[in-house]
């Protein structure tokens, strides 16, 4: 049954097969009972939407049958999970707000009430209460999946609903201050705009009557992140305008320390430029407060991971004397050589404090080391962490070894500006390469030994 809903090769749910199986197992039980229960156990299946009209017909036949085995909570959860918003409106329209008993009504249970075969001519606050009892913070769940059709359908009831439930039934809240964040976290642009335009007026302006805690800023939305990685087919979404609105709205309490990172991931250069403008044009005291919320080192790491050159250039260009710390050597190592060259050239020498752990079995490439040396970003720790512990492949690279050996040595025999503390260290590494048995390294090793004046050919011989 479960596999029939998932479909073959992720082709989507096969309701015909599911109905055939359920009819064989328990002919007396309506098929909707089966596929809603199993549908709650699988991930979101978009093809359920293509069968929505059929599912609505199955629900209406189920209601007429008088069967009460289907839990309303399961039904509502299934409806929201698979974005069957027309079905949710049908459920709302069939709620019987007057409690009845199964023996006297053709209906199915939804809490202490029933889904009635009679369609409500007008949706009421009481019907919305019953539905909200099955799905706490109903609007939040809808915002998570980007639906605004249901909110629009009951918008005219929200003010009365809030008045009826805020003090007496706080457990029946249909949304809270995180409603806007629910839409923003999933990148639902249209839903976020709708909430700002149409739901802000319903934010509570005080704590509930019987609440023992005072919540400051209760009349504001709480926003902590904005997922701007939108569907490329939705190019008309103006994220810059929405971000600007959120930043300056008196109805939004925001802590957007990850906003810069969010913009980098989405490659939203307009938003990046806005953030830089705010930082640069603010009063120094305000600027430092705003800047502290943004971890610029982590932001650069994310830009490196995304290989977003425009973002990297903007971050570095606006901080010419900043010493970047904890920058992942792994992300630099994974960049193509041409990107490495462009990125490292933007930085002043020795302005990178590198986090050298690569993770897994990754090895630092000779190209990366050469780029680091070329632009003045290699240090002894990098070499000790990666060159000394390498498998010996570096020693066949004449150019790299020449660069290592040619680094400036101070008068005291120590390298003050470069990566090596002594040329003797290279001699040691070269001689330990005798432990490698790859023939393709031998010619390079011999060339390097001649350059550095290492006379012991016996030690340099391959095994």
Protein backbone atom coordinates (compact mmCIF):
# COMPACT_ATOMS: atom_id res chain seq x y z
CA UNK A 1 0.00 0.00 0.00
CA UNK A 2 2.72 2.44 0.97
CA UNK A 3 4.76 1.67 -2.16
CA UNK A 4 1.69 2.21 -4.33
CA UNK A 5 1.40 5.75 -2.98
CA UNK A 6 5.06 6.57 -3.49
CA UNK A 7 4.96 5.21 -7.01
CA UNK A 8 7.56 3.48 -9.16
CA UNK A 9 10.77 5.42 -9.78
CA UNK A 10 9.32 8.37 -7.88
CA UNK A 11 6.61 8.73 -10.50
CA UNK A 12 4.11 9.73 -7.82
CA UNK A 13 1.18 8.15 -6.05
CA UNK A 14 -0.87 5.56 -7.89
CA UNK A 15 -4.32 5.97 -6.35
CA UNK A 16 -5.86 3.38 -8.66
CA UNK A 17 -3.49 0.72 -7.35
CA UNK A 18 -4.01 1.90 -3.77
CA UNK A 19 -7.79 1.71 -4.13
CA UNK A 20 -7.56 -1.76 -5.68
CA UNK A 21 -5.39 -3.02 -2.79
CA UNK A 22 -7.62 -1.48 -0.11
CA UNK A 23 -10.76 -2.86 -1.75
CA UNK A 24 -9.21 -6.31 -1.71
CA UNK A 25 -8.07 -6.11 1.94
CA UNK A 26 -11.22 -4.58 3.42
CA UNK A 27 -13.96 -4.07 0.83
CA UNK A 28 -16.29 -2.38 3.34
CA UNK A 29 -13.87 0.40 4.26
CA UNK A 30 -13.74 3.52 2.04
CA UNK A 31 -10.40 3.89 0.19
CA UNK A 32 -9.82 7.41 1.57
CA UNK A 33 -9.28 5.90 5.01
CA UNK A 34 -6.31 3.96 3.69
CA UNK A 35 -4.54 6.48 1.51
CA UNK A 36 -4.84 9.35 4.00
CA UNK A 37 -3.29 7.27 6.78
CA UNK A 38 -0.48 6.00 4.55
CA UNK A 39 -0.10 9.45 2.95
CA UNK A 40 0.88 10.82 6.36
CA UNK A 41 3.77 8.35 6.52
CA UNK A 42 5.40 9.39 3.23
CA UNK A 43 7.07 12.61 2.17
CA UNK A 44 5.22 15.28 0.25
CA UNK A 45 3.94 13.81 -3.04
CA UNK A 46 3.05 16.54 -5.56
CA UNK A 47 0.97 14.17 -7.69
CA UNK A 48 -1.63 14.02 -4.93
CA UNK A 49 -2.61 17.49 -6.16
CA UNK A 50 -3.40 16.13 -9.60
CA UNK A 51 -5.87 13.73 -7.92
CA UNK A 52 -7.38 16.38 -5.63
CA UNK A 53 -10.81 16.42 -7.32
CA UNK A 54 -11.02 12.65 -6.94
CA UNK A 55 -9.96 12.84 -3.29
CA UNK A 56 -12.67 15.45 -2.64
CA UNK A 57 -15.25 13.14 -4.20
CA UNK A 58 -13.97 10.26 -2.04
CA UNK A 59 -14.29 12.46 1.06
CA UNK A 60 -17.87 13.44 0.25
CA UNK A 61 -18.80 9.78 -0.32
CA UNK A 62 -17.09 8.95 2.96
CA UNK A 63 -19.11 11.61 4.82
CA UNK A 64 -22.37 10.31 3.29
CA UNK A 65 -21.50 6.76 4.34
CA UNK A 66 -21.62 7.61 8.05
CA UNK A 67 -18.25 5.86 8.62
CA UNK A 68 -16.39 7.42 11.55
CA UNK A 69 -13.15 5.45 11.53
CA UNK A 70 -11.05 8.21 9.93
CA UNK A 71 -9.44 10.48 12.51
CA UNK A 72 -10.02 14.11 11.64
CA UNK A 73 -6.51 14.96 12.84
CA UNK A 74 -5.09 12.47 10.30
CA UNK A 75 -7.31 13.93 7.58
CA UNK A 76 -6.30 17.55 8.25
CA UNK A 77 -2.60 16.66 8.57
CA UNK A 78 -2.72 14.74 5.28
CA UNK A 79 -4.44 17.69 3.59
CA UNK A 80 -1.83 20.25 4.66
CA UNK A 81 1.18 17.95 4.16
CA UNK A 82 0.32 17.35 0.50
CA UNK A 83 -0.88 20.93 -0.12
CA UNK A 84 -4.48 19.96 -0.88
CA UNK A 85 -5.87 23.38 -0.07
CA UNK A 86 -9.14 22.95 -1.99
CA UNK A 87 -9.73 19.85 0.12
CA UNK A 88 -9.12 21.85 3.29
CA UNK A 89 -11.81 24.33 2.26
CA UNK A 90 -14.19 21.43 1.64
CA UNK A 91 -13.50 20.09 5.14
CA UNK A 92 -14.18 23.55 6.62
CA UNK A 93 -17.43 23.84 4.68
CA UNK A 94 -18.62 20.44 5.94
CA UNK A 95 -17.97 21.06 9.65
CA UNK A 96 -21.16 20.80 11.67
CA UNK A 97 -20.74 23.29 14.50
CA UNK A 98 -23.57 21.75 16.54
CA UNK A 99 -22.47 18.62 18.48
CA UNK A 100 -24.44 15.58 17.42
CA UNK A 101 -24.38 11.86 18.02
CA UNK A 102 -23.60 9.25 15.37
CA UNK A 103 -27.00 7.64 15.77
CA UNK A 104 -28.88 10.81 14.88
CA UNK A 105 -26.71 12.31 12.14
CA UNK A 106 -25.16 11.20 8.88
CA UNK A 107 -21.71 12.60 9.63
CA UNK A 108 -18.19 11.70 10.59
CA UNK A 109 -16.34 12.65 13.74
CA UNK A 110 -14.18 15.76 14.00
CA UNK A 111 -13.52 16.11 17.69
CA UNK A 112 -16.83 16.36 19.53
CA UNK A 113 -18.40 17.65 16.31
CA UNK A 114 -18.92 16.10 12.91
CA UNK A 115 -18.36 16.54 9.22
CA UNK A 116 -21.87 16.87 7.95
CA UNK A 117 -23.18 15.98 4.52
CA UNK A 118 -24.83 19.38 4.54
CA UNK A 119 -22.58 22.10 3.16
CA UNK A 120 -22.40 25.26 5.28
CA UNK A 121 -23.71 28.26 3.43
CA UNK A 122 -21.39 30.51 5.41
CA UNK A 123 -18.17 29.66 7.24
CA UNK A 124 -18.29 30.66 10.91
CA UNK A 125 -15.84 31.40 13.71
CA UNK A 126 -17.07 28.26 15.48
CA UNK A 127 -16.22 26.11 12.45
CA UNK A 128 -12.74 27.65 12.34
CA UNK A 129 -12.32 26.88 16.06
CA UNK A 130 -13.10 23.23 15.46
CA UNK A 131 -10.61 23.02 12.62
CA UNK A 132 -7.94 24.84 14.65
CA UNK A 133 -8.42 22.32 17.46
CA UNK A 134 -7.30 19.58 15.05
CA UNK A 135 -4.30 21.56 13.81
CA UNK A 136 -2.75 24.00 16.34
CA UNK A 137 -1.32 27.17 14.76
CA UNK A 138 -3.11 26.29 11.54
CA UNK A 139 -1.95 29.40 9.66
CA UNK A 140 1.68 28.69 10.59
CA UNK A 141 1.44 25.26 9.00
CA UNK A 142 -0.10 26.76 5.89
CA UNK A 143 2.64 29.42 5.68
CA UNK A 144 5.29 26.68 5.86
CA UNK A 145 3.94 25.24 2.62
CA UNK A 146 3.26 28.64 1.07
CA UNK A 147 -0.55 28.60 0.93
CA UNK A 148 -2.53 31.82 1.14
CA UNK A 149 -5.81 30.62 -0.41
CA UNK A 150 -7.19 29.39 2.93
CA UNK A 151 -6.08 32.55 4.77
CA UNK A 152 -7.83 34.63 2.12
CA UNK A 153 -10.97 32.51 2.41
CA UNK A 154 -11.33 33.08 6.17
CA UNK A 155 -9.67 36.50 6.41
CA UNK A 156 -12.98 38.19 7.20
CA UNK A 157 -13.30 35.98 10.31
CA UNK A 158 -9.84 36.54 11.81
CA UNK A 159 -10.63 39.69 13.83
CA UNK A 160 -13.71 38.07 15.45
CA UNK A 161 -11.78 34.83 15.92
CA UNK A 162 -8.97 36.60 17.78
CA UNK A 163 -11.48 38.38 20.00
CA UNK A 164 -13.28 35.12 20.78
CA UNK A 165 -10.21 33.01 21.55
CA UNK A 166 -7.36 35.28 22.70
CA UNK A 167 -8.30 35.45 26.38
CA UNK A 168 -10.57 32.46 26.84
CA UNK A 169 -8.93 29.84 24.59
CA UNK A 170 -5.26 30.65 23.95
CA UNK A 171 -4.67 27.03 22.92
CA UNK A 172 -6.80 27.71 19.83
CA UNK A 173 -4.44 30.28 18.36
CA UNK A 174 -4.39 29.97 14.59
CA UNK A 175 -1.05 31.78 14.30
CA UNK A 176 1.66 33.33 16.44
CA UNK A 177 4.45 35.87 15.98
CA UNK A 178 6.52 33.39 13.96
CA UNK A 179 3.95 33.23 11.15
CA UNK A 180 5.99 35.49 8.86
CA UNK A 181 9.16 33.49 9.62
CA UNK A 182 7.35 30.27 8.64
CA UNK A 183 6.90 31.66 5.14
CA UNK A 184 10.38 33.20 4.93
CA UNK A 185 12.19 30.05 6.07
CA UNK A 186 10.87 28.15 3.05
CA UNK A 187 11.32 31.02 0.59
CA UNK A 188 7.59 31.56 0.06
CA UNK A 189 7.77 35.13 -1.22
CA UNK A 190 4.08 35.66 -2.09
CA UNK A 191 2.97 34.21 1.23
CA UNK A 192 5.35 36.49 3.16
CA UNK A 193 4.10 39.57 1.32
CA UNK A 194 0.48 38.55 1.98
CA UNK A 195 1.17 38.14 5.71
CA UNK A 196 2.82 41.57 5.94
CA UNK A 197 -0.01 43.21 4.02
CA UNK A 198 -3.02 41.44 5.49
CA UNK A 199 -2.18 39.71 8.79
CA UNK A 200 -0.09 42.34 10.60
CA UNK A 201 -3.24 44.12 11.76
CA UNK A 202 -4.23 41.02 13.76
CA UNK A 203 -1.07 40.82 15.86
CA UNK A 204 -1.99 40.85 19.58
CA UNK A 205 -1.21 44.15 21.28
CA UNK A 206 -1.10 42.71 24.78
CA UNK A 207 -0.65 39.46 26.70
CA UNK A 208 -3.68 37.20 27.24
CA UNK A 209 -5.87 38.19 30.19
CA UNK A 210 -4.85 35.22 32.34
CA UNK A 211 -1.22 35.05 31.23
CA UNK A 212 1.37 35.19 34.02
CA UNK A 213 4.14 36.36 31.68
CA UNK A 214 4.48 39.61 29.84
CA UNK A 215 5.83 39.18 26.33
CA UNK A 216 7.55 42.34 25.12
CA UNK A 217 7.08 43.17 21.47
CA UNK A 218 4.05 40.87 21.22
CA UNK A 219 2.65 43.13 18.51
CA UNK A 220 5.61 42.44 16.19
CA UNK A 221 6.56 39.62 13.86
CA UNK A 222 9.77 37.80 14.80
CA UNK A 223 12.15 37.28 11.87
CA UNK A 224 15.56 35.58 12.15
CA UNK A 225 16.35 34.46 8.60
CA UNK A 226 15.23 34.92 5.01
CA UNK A 227 15.57 32.09 2.51
CA UNK A 228 15.96 33.86 -0.83
CA UNK A 229 16.92 30.77 -2.84
CA UNK A 230 13.81 30.97 -4.96
CA UNK A 231 12.52 29.03 -7.92
CA UNK A 232 14.43 30.38 -10.97
CA UNK A 233 11.11 30.45 -12.83
CA UNK A 234 9.86 33.08 -10.36
CA UNK A 235 12.18 35.87 -11.40
CA UNK A 236 9.55 38.52 -10.67
CA UNK A 237 10.11 38.13 -6.93
CA UNK A 238 11.66 41.35 -5.65
CA UNK A 239 13.64 40.09 -2.65
CA UNK A 240 15.48 43.39 -2.28
CA UNK A 241 12.22 45.25 -1.79
CA UNK A 242 10.93 42.65 0.70
CA UNK A 243 14.18 42.62 2.72
CA UNK A 244 14.26 46.42 2.81
CA UNK A 245 10.67 46.44 4.03
CA UNK A 246 11.38 43.92 6.80
CA UNK A 247 14.50 45.77 7.95
CA UNK A 248 12.70 49.08 8.46
CA UNK A 249 9.21 47.92 9.48
CA UNK A 250 8.09 48.93 12.96
CA UNK A 251 6.02 45.75 13.04
CA UNK A 252 8.99 43.40 12.69
CA UNK A 253 11.40 42.42 15.44
CA UNK A 254 14.39 41.04 13.58
CA UNK A 255 17.70 39.48 14.45
CA UNK A 256 19.18 39.03 11.00
CA UNK A 257 22.73 38.06 11.85
CA UNK A 258 22.52 35.46 9.05
CA UNK A 259 21.04 37.85 6.47
CA UNK A 260 24.36 38.36 4.68
CA UNK A 261 24.88 34.59 4.48
CA UNK A 262 21.29 34.13 3.24
CA UNK A 263 21.93 36.68 0.47
CA UNK A 264 25.22 35.00 -0.50
CA UNK A 265 23.56 31.57 -0.82
CA UNK A 266 20.84 33.07 -3.01
CA UNK A 267 23.34 35.19 -4.97
CA UNK A 268 21.17 38.24 -4.34
CA UNK A 269 23.66 41.02 -5.10
CA UNK A 270 21.05 43.73 -4.56
CA UNK A 271 20.52 42.58 -0.97
CA UNK A 272 24.30 42.26 -0.44
CA UNK A 273 24.80 45.84 -1.59
CA UNK A 274 21.99 47.00 0.71
CA UNK A 275 23.68 45.36 3.72
CA UNK A 276 27.04 46.92 2.84
CA UNK A 277 25.35 50.31 2.42
CA UNK A 278 23.75 50.05 5.87
CA UNK A 279 27.08 49.11 7.45
CA UNK A 280 29.07 51.83 5.70
CA UNK A 281 26.58 54.69 6.04
CA UNK A 282 25.51 54.14 9.65
CA UNK A 283 26.84 56.14 12.57
CA UNK A 284 29.96 54.37 13.93
CA UNK A 285 28.15 53.26 17.09
CA UNK A 286 25.19 51.92 15.15
CA UNK A 287 27.52 50.40 12.56
CA UNK A 288 29.44 48.41 15.13
CA UNK A 289 26.21 47.12 16.67
CA UNK A 290 24.90 46.01 13.28
CA UNK A 291 28.26 44.60 12.25
CA UNK A 292 28.54 42.49 15.42
CA UNK A 293 25.43 40.61 14.39
CA UNK A 294 27.08 39.51 11.17
CA UNK A 295 29.96 37.04 11.26
CA UNK A 296 31.83 38.33 8.23
CA UNK A 297 34.38 35.50 8.43
CA UNK A 298 31.64 32.88 8.23
CA UNK A 299 30.00 34.87 5.44
CA UNK A 300 33.24 34.74 3.44
CA UNK A 301 33.44 30.99 4.08
CA UNK A 302 29.94 30.55 2.65
CA UNK A 303 30.82 32.68 -0.38
CA UNK A 304 33.92 30.50 -0.93
CA UNK A 305 31.86 27.34 -0.58
CA UNK A 306 29.35 28.67 -3.11
CA UNK A 307 32.22 29.89 -5.34
CA UNK A 308 30.29 33.15 -5.64
CA UNK A 309 33.02 35.45 -6.96
CA UNK A 310 30.92 38.63 -6.99
CA UNK A 311 30.03 38.11 -3.34
CA UNK A 312 33.66 37.35 -2.41
CA UNK A 313 34.87 40.50 -4.18
CA UNK A 314 32.27 42.65 -2.40
CA UNK A 315 33.15 41.30 1.05
CA UNK A 316 36.89 41.80 0.58
CA UNK A 317 36.71 45.11 -1.30
CA UNK A 318 34.72 46.75 1.51
CA UNK A 319 37.21 45.56 4.16
CA UNK A 320 40.65 46.29 2.73
CA UNK A 321 42.48 46.06 6.07
CA UNK A 322 40.42 43.34 7.72
CA UNK A 323 42.26 40.20 8.84
CA UNK A 324 39.91 37.33 8.06
CA UNK A 325 40.03 34.47 10.55
CA UNK A 326 38.92 30.83 10.53
CA UNK A 327 38.71 30.83 6.75
CA UNK A 328 38.32 27.27 5.52
CA UNK A 329 41.33 26.03 3.56
CA UNK A 330 39.07 23.23 2.32
CA UNK A 331 36.83 25.65 0.40
CA UNK A 332 39.84 27.37 -1.16
CA UNK A 333 41.33 23.99 -2.05
CA UNK A 334 38.12 22.97 -3.86
CA UNK A 335 38.02 26.12 -6.00
CA UNK A 336 39.35 25.92 -9.56
CA UNK A 337 42.89 27.37 -9.90
CA UNK A 338 41.65 30.38 -11.84
CA UNK A 339 39.23 31.22 -9.00
CA UNK A 340 41.94 30.70 -6.39
CA UNK A 341 44.19 33.14 -8.24
CA UNK A 342 41.48 35.82 -8.45
CA UNK A 343 40.34 35.43 -4.84
CA UNK A 344 43.77 35.36 -3.18
CA UNK A 345 44.97 38.30 -5.28
CA UNK A 346 42.21 40.44 -3.74
CA UNK A 347 43.64 40.04 -0.24
CA UNK A 348 46.65 41.72 1.30
CA UNK A 349 49.44 39.22 2.10
CA UNK A 350 49.05 37.49 5.46
CA UNK A 351 45.47 38.79 5.89
CA UNK A 352 44.06 35.23 6.07
CA UNK A 353 44.07 33.13 9.20
CA UNK A 354 43.27 29.72 7.77
CA UNK A 355 41.39 26.82 9.31
CA UNK A 356 43.56 24.06 7.89
CA UNK A 357 41.50 20.91 8.55
CA UNK A 358 40.25 19.58 5.20
CA UNK A 359 38.03 16.78 6.44
CA UNK A 360 37.75 13.21 5.22
CA UNK A 361 40.58 12.02 2.98
CA UNK A 362 40.97 15.34 1.17
CA UNK A 363 44.52 16.38 0.38
CA UNK A 364 45.83 19.88 -0.16
CA UNK A 365 46.78 20.20 -3.82
CA UNK A 366 50.15 21.50 -4.93
CA UNK A 367 48.30 24.13 -6.98
CA UNK A 368 46.65 25.47 -3.84
CA UNK A 369 49.99 25.67 -2.01
CA UNK A 370 51.58 27.47 -4.94
CA UNK A 371 48.70 29.96 -5.03
CA UNK A 372 48.97 30.56 -1.28
CA UNK A 373 52.72 31.17 -1.58
CA UNK A 374 52.31 33.35 -4.68
CA UNK A 375 49.91 35.70 -2.91
CA UNK A 376 51.59 35.62 0.52
CA UNK A 377 49.03 33.56 2.42
CA UNK A 378 50.99 30.41 3.19
CA UNK A 379 52.40 29.91 6.66
CA UNK A 380 54.37 27.33 8.57
CA UNK A 381 51.25 25.83 10.12
CA UNK A 382 49.77 25.11 6.67
CA UNK A 383 52.95 23.39 5.55
CA UNK A 384 53.38 21.41 8.75
CA UNK A 385 49.74 20.31 8.59
CA UNK A 386 49.73 19.24 4.95
CA UNK A 387 53.11 19.17 3.19
CA UNK A 388 55.05 17.31 5.87
CA UNK A 389 52.35 14.68 6.28
CA UNK A 390 51.75 14.27 2.55
CA UNK A 391 52.30 11.02 0.67
CA UNK A 392 55.31 12.41 -1.17
CA UNK A 393 53.67 13.50 -4.41
CA UNK A 394 54.76 17.10 -3.83
CA UNK A 395 58.42 16.19 -4.10
CA UNK A 396 58.14 15.37 -7.80
CA UNK A 397 57.03 18.96 -8.46
CA UNK A 398 60.16 20.94 -9.26
CA UNK A 399 58.36 24.33 -9.35
CA UNK A 400 56.73 23.86 -5.95
CA UNK A 401 59.91 22.70 -4.24
CA UNK A 402 61.85 25.59 -5.78
CA UNK A 403 59.23 28.02 -4.39
CA UNK A 404 59.48 26.44 -0.95
CA UNK A 405 63.27 26.51 -0.94
CA UNK A 406 63.51 30.08 -2.24
CA UNK A 407 61.49 31.67 0.56
CA UNK A 408 63.28 34.52 2.32
CA UNK A 409 65.29 33.52 5.36
CA UNK A 410 66.03 36.13 7.97
CA UNK A 411 69.52 36.86 9.30
CA UNK A 412 68.89 34.70 12.35
CA UNK A 413 68.23 31.69 10.13
CA UNK A 414 64.45 31.88 10.62
CA UNK A 415 61.79 32.75 8.12
CA UNK A 416 59.93 35.79 9.43
CA UNK A 417 57.69 36.46 6.44
CA UNK A 418 57.39 33.08 4.76
CA UNK A 419 56.31 29.59 5.67
CA UNK A 420 59.60 27.86 6.50
CA UNK A 421 61.70 28.11 9.65
CA UNK A 422 64.77 26.57 7.97
CA UNK A 423 65.92 25.12 4.65
CA UNK A 424 66.95 22.06 6.60
CA UNK A 425 63.25 21.28 6.93
CA UNK A 426 62.93 20.90 3.15
CA UNK A 427 66.05 18.75 3.07
CA UNK A 428 64.43 16.50 5.63
CA UNK A 429 61.20 16.25 3.62
CA UNK A 430 63.08 15.53 0.40
CA UNK A 431 65.10 12.76 1.96
CA UNK A 432 62.07 11.14 3.53
CA UNK A 433 60.63 10.84 0.02
CA UNK A 434 62.81 7.74 -0.38
CA UNK A 435 59.92 5.95 1.33
CA UNK A 436 57.73 6.42 -1.73
CA UNK A 437 57.92 3.72 -4.38
CA UNK A 438 56.26 5.52 -7.28
CA UNK A 439 58.67 5.69 -10.23
CA UNK A 440 57.02 8.82 -11.61
CA UNK A 441 58.31 10.78 -8.62
CA UNK A 442 61.95 9.77 -9.04
CA UNK A 443 62.88 12.11 -11.92
CA UNK A 444 61.30 15.06 -10.12
CA UNK A 445 63.08 14.14 -6.90
CA UNK A 446 66.42 13.98 -8.66
CA UNK A 447 65.86 17.36 -10.29
CA UNK A 448 64.95 18.88 -6.96
CA UNK A 449 67.95 17.29 -5.25
CA UNK A 450 70.28 18.80 -7.86
CA UNK A 451 68.67 22.22 -7.37
CA UNK A 452 69.09 22.05 -3.62
CA UNK A 453 72.54 20.45 -3.71
CA UNK A 454 71.53 17.19 -2.05
CA UNK A 455 74.40 14.85 -2.97
CA UNK A 456 73.29 11.55 -1.50
CA UNK A 457 71.82 9.73 -4.49
CA UNK A 458 71.60 6.62 -2.36
CA UNK A 459 69.07 8.22 -0.11
CA UNK A 460 67.12 9.57 -3.05
CA UNK A 461 66.85 6.27 -4.88
CA UNK A 462 63.41 4.80 -5.27
CA UNK A 463 62.69 1.58 -3.46
